[in-house]
C-alpha atoms as a PDB file:
ATOM      1  CA  UNK A   1     -15.214   6.830  -0.905  1.00  0.00           C
ATOM      2  CA  UNK A   2     -14.223   9.121   1.955  1.00  0.00           C
ATOM      3  CA  UNK A   3     -14.524   6.251   4.442  1.00  0.00           C
ATOM      4  CA  UNK A   4     -12.295   4.065   2.276  1.00  0.00           C
ATOM      5  CA  UNK A   5      -9.709   6.854   2.301  1.00  0.00           C
ATOM      6  CA  UNK A   6      -9.858   7.106   6.087  1.00  0.00           C
ATOM      7  CA  UNK A   7      -9.577   3.328   6.444  1.00  0.00           C
ATOM      8  CA  UNK A   8      -6.510   3.186   4.168  1.00  0.00           C
ATOM      9  CA  UNK A   9      -4.833   6.048   6.025  1.00  0.00           C
ATOM     10  CA  UNK A  10      -5.489   4.426   9.400  1.00  0.00           C
ATOM     11  CA  UNK A  11      -4.255   1.073   8.096  1.00  0.00           C
ATOM     12  CA  UNK A  12      -1.120   2.749   6.736  1.00  0.00           C
ATOM     13  CA  UNK A  13      -0.430   4.355  10.111  1.00  0.00           C
ATOM     14  CA  UNK A  14      -1.003   1.029  11.888  1.00  0.00           C
ATOM     15  CA  UNK A  15       1.361  -0.789   9.528  1.00  0.00           C
ATOM     16  CA  UNK A  16       3.993   1.923  10.013  1.00  0.00           C
ATOM     17  CA  UNK A  17       3.664   1.654  13.784  1.00  0.00           C
ATOM     18  CA  UNK A  18       3.936  -2.151  13.650  1.00  0.00           C
ATOM     19  CA  UNK A  19       6.988  -1.991  11.383  1.00  0.00           C
ATOM     20  CA  UNK A  20       8.745   0.576  13.545  1.00  0.00           C
ATOM     21  CA  UNK A  21       7.939  -1.295  16.754  1.00  0.00           C
ATOM     22  CA  UNK A  22       9.201  -4.575  15.291  1.00  0.00           C
ATOM     23  CA  UNK A  23      12.422  -3.104  13.944  1.00  0.00           C
ATOM     24  CA  UNK A  24      13.206  -1.087  17.063  1.00  0.00           C
ATOM     25  CA  UNK A  25      12.265  -4.020  19.305  1.00  0.00           C
ATOM     26  CA  UNK A  26      14.740  -6.215  17.447  1.00  0.00           C
ATOM     27  CA  UNK A  27      17.499  -3.678  18.052  1.00  0.00           C
ATOM     28  CA  UNK A  28      17.681  -2.613  14.412  1.00  0.00           C
ATOM     29  CA  UNK A  29      17.438   0.854  12.976  1.00  0.00           C
ATOM     30  CA  UNK A  30      13.943   2.094  12.231  1.00  0.00           C
ATOM     31  CA  UNK A  31      12.696   0.754   8.908  1.00  0.00           C
ATOM     32  CA  UNK A  32       9.429   0.091   7.136  1.00  0.00           C
ATOM     33  CA  UNK A  33       8.724  -3.350   5.669  1.00  0.00           C
ATOM     34  CA  UNK A  34       7.926  -3.642   1.979  1.00  0.00           C
ATOM     35  CA  UNK A  35       4.719  -4.937   0.428  1.00  0.00           C
ATOM     36  CA  UNK A  36       6.642  -8.022  -0.717  1.00  0.00           C
ATOM     37  CA  UNK A  37       7.793  -8.759   2.832  1.00  0.00           C
ATOM     38  CA  UNK A  38       4.248  -8.456   4.189  1.00  0.00           C
ATOM     39  CA  UNK A  39       2.897 -10.648   1.390  1.00  0.00           C
ATOM     40  CA  UNK A  40       5.626 -13.258   1.945  1.00  0.00           C
ATOM     41  CA  UNK A  41       4.832 -13.258   5.664  1.00  0.00           C
ATOM     42  CA  UNK A  42       1.118 -13.765   4.971  1.00  0.00           C
ATOM     43  CA  UNK A  43       1.307 -16.351   2.149  1.00  0.00           C
ATOM     44  CA  UNK A  44       4.699 -17.157   0.606  1.00  0.00           C
ATOM     45  CA  UNK A  45       3.345 -19.709  -1.880  1.00  0.00           C
ATOM     46  CA  UNK A  46       0.979 -17.273  -3.585  1.00  0.00           C
ATOM     47  CA  UNK A  47       3.725 -14.682  -3.932  1.00  0.00           C
ATOM     48  CA  UNK A  48       6.018 -17.223  -5.589  1.00  0.00           C
ATOM     49  CA  UNK A  49       3.262 -18.245  -8.020  1.00  0.00           C
ATOM     50  CA  UNK A  50       2.242 -14.673  -8.829  1.00  0.00           C
ATOM     51  CA  UNK A  51       5.391 -13.677 -10.743  1.00  0.00           C
ATOM     52  CA  UNK A  52       5.393 -16.517 -13.297  1.00  0.00           C
ATOM     53  CA  UNK A  53       1.636 -16.168 -13.764  1.00  0.00           C
ATOM     54  CA  UNK A  54       1.914 -12.457 -14.566  1.00  0.00           C
ATOM     55  CA  UNK A  55       4.940 -12.908 -16.798  1.00  0.00           C
ATOM     56  CA  UNK A  56       3.428 -15.832 -18.708  1.00  0.00           C
ATOM     57  CA  UNK A  57      -0.210 -14.752 -19.032  1.00  0.00           C
ATOM     58  CA  UNK A  58      -0.061 -10.957 -19.023  1.00  0.00           C
ATOM     59  CA  UNK A  59       3.323  -9.390 -19.773  1.00  0.00           C
ATOM     60  CA  UNK A  60       6.891  -9.611 -18.474  1.00  0.00           C
ATOM     61  CA  UNK A  61       7.136  -5.833 -18.824  1.00  0.00           C
ATOM     62  CA  UNK A  62       4.222  -5.400 -16.423  1.00  0.00           C
ATOM     63  CA  UNK A  63       6.097  -7.393 -13.800  1.00  0.00           C
ATOM     64  CA  UNK A  64       9.398  -5.544 -14.131  1.00  0.00           C
ATOM     65  CA  UNK A  65       8.080  -2.012 -14.561  1.00  0.00           C
ATOM     66  CA  UNK A  66       4.968  -1.936 -12.351  1.00  0.00           C
ATOM     67  CA  UNK A  67       4.532  -4.850  -9.963  1.00  0.00           C
ATOM     68  CA  UNK A  68       8.123  -5.382  -8.848  1.00  0.00           C
ATOM     69  CA  UNK A  69       8.630  -1.723  -7.815  1.00  0.00           C
ATOM     70  CA  UNK A  70       5.348  -1.879  -5.890  1.00  0.00           C
ATOM     71  CA  UNK A  71       6.520  -5.008  -4.078  1.00  0.00           C
ATOM     72  CA  UNK A  72       9.797  -3.300  -3.143  1.00  0.00           C
ATOM     73  CA  UNK A  73       8.179  -0.110  -1.795  1.00  0.00           C
ATOM     74  CA  UNK A  74       7.215   0.246   1.892  1.00  0.00           C
ATOM     75  CA  UNK A  75       3.645  -0.940   2.438  1.00  0.00           C
ATOM     76  CA  UNK A  76       2.857   1.820   4.919  1.00  0.00           C
ATOM     77  CA  UNK A  77       3.748   4.527   2.401  1.00  0.00           C
ATOM     78  CA  UNK A  78       1.736   2.812  -0.332  1.00  0.00           C
ATOM     79  CA  UNK A  79      -1.347   2.644   1.908  1.00  0.00           C
ATOM     80  CA  UNK A  80      -0.959   6.269   2.981  1.00  0.00           C
ATOM     81  CA  UNK A  81      -0.548   7.364  -0.635  1.00  0.00           C
ATOM     82  CA  UNK A  82      -3.543   5.357  -1.798  1.00  0.00           C
ATOM     83  CA  UNK A  83      -5.591   6.776   1.067  1.00  0.00           C
ATOM     84  CA  UNK A  84      -4.571  10.298   0.056  1.00  0.00           C
ATOM     85  CA  UNK A  85      -5.608   9.622  -3.546  1.00  0.00           C
ATOM     86  CA  UNK A  86      -9.041   8.370  -2.464  1.00  0.00           C
ATOM     87  CA  UNK A  87      -9.434  11.309  -0.084  1.00  0.00           C
ATOM     88  CA  UNK A  88      -8.671  13.774  -2.885  1.00  0.00           C
ATOM     89  CA  UNK A  89     -11.064  11.958  -5.230  1.00  0.00           C
ATOM     90  CA  UNK A  90     -13.812  12.025  -2.626  1.00  0.00           C
ATOM     91  CA  UNK A  91     -13.190  15.721  -2.083  1.00  0.00           C
ATOM     92  CA  UNK A  92     -13.257  16.464  -5.813  1.00  0.00           C
ATOM     93  CA  UNK A  93     -16.446  14.468  -6.384  1.00  0.00           C
ATOM     94  CA  UNK A  94     -18.269  15.930  -3.391  1.00  0.00           C
ATOM     95  CA  UNK A  95     -21.223  18.094  -4.421  1.00  0.00           C
ATOM     96  CA  UNK A  96     -20.593  21.758  -3.844  1.00  0.00           C
ATOM     97  CA  UNK A  97     -22.782  23.526  -1.336  1.00  0.00           C
ATOM     98  CA  UNK A  98     -24.138  26.894  -2.198  1.00  0.00           C
ATOM     99  CA  UNK A  99     -23.599  29.651   0.282  1.00  0.00           C
ATOM    100  CA  UNK A 100     -26.662  31.348   1.645  1.00  0.00           C
ATOM    101  CA  UNK A 101     -26.737  35.110   1.564  1.00  0.00           C
END
C-alpha cells in the first residue's frame, strides 16, 4: 500500500508539472487541468457516455453531488490527496516495532 501511495504522489507531481508547463508555454497564467479535461483529452466518447449511464442506472444525485465535483477538481490535487490517504493508511496499518532495551 505504501508503494501505491508513492506512485500516486509521483503521478500527481508529474501531472502538476505537465499542466504548469503546458499553461505557461501557451502564455497563459499557471493553472492545473481538471480530471474532466484529462479524461476528455484521453477519450471524449467514454466521458460523454458516462454521465447518462450513471444518471440512468445508478442515481442522478450521485452524478451531481459526487462525480461532477470530482471531474471539476484539478487532477494533480486529487492524485496528491489520494496518495496522502494511502500513505496515512499504510502508516496506520504498519506493524509496530518494539523497542529493545
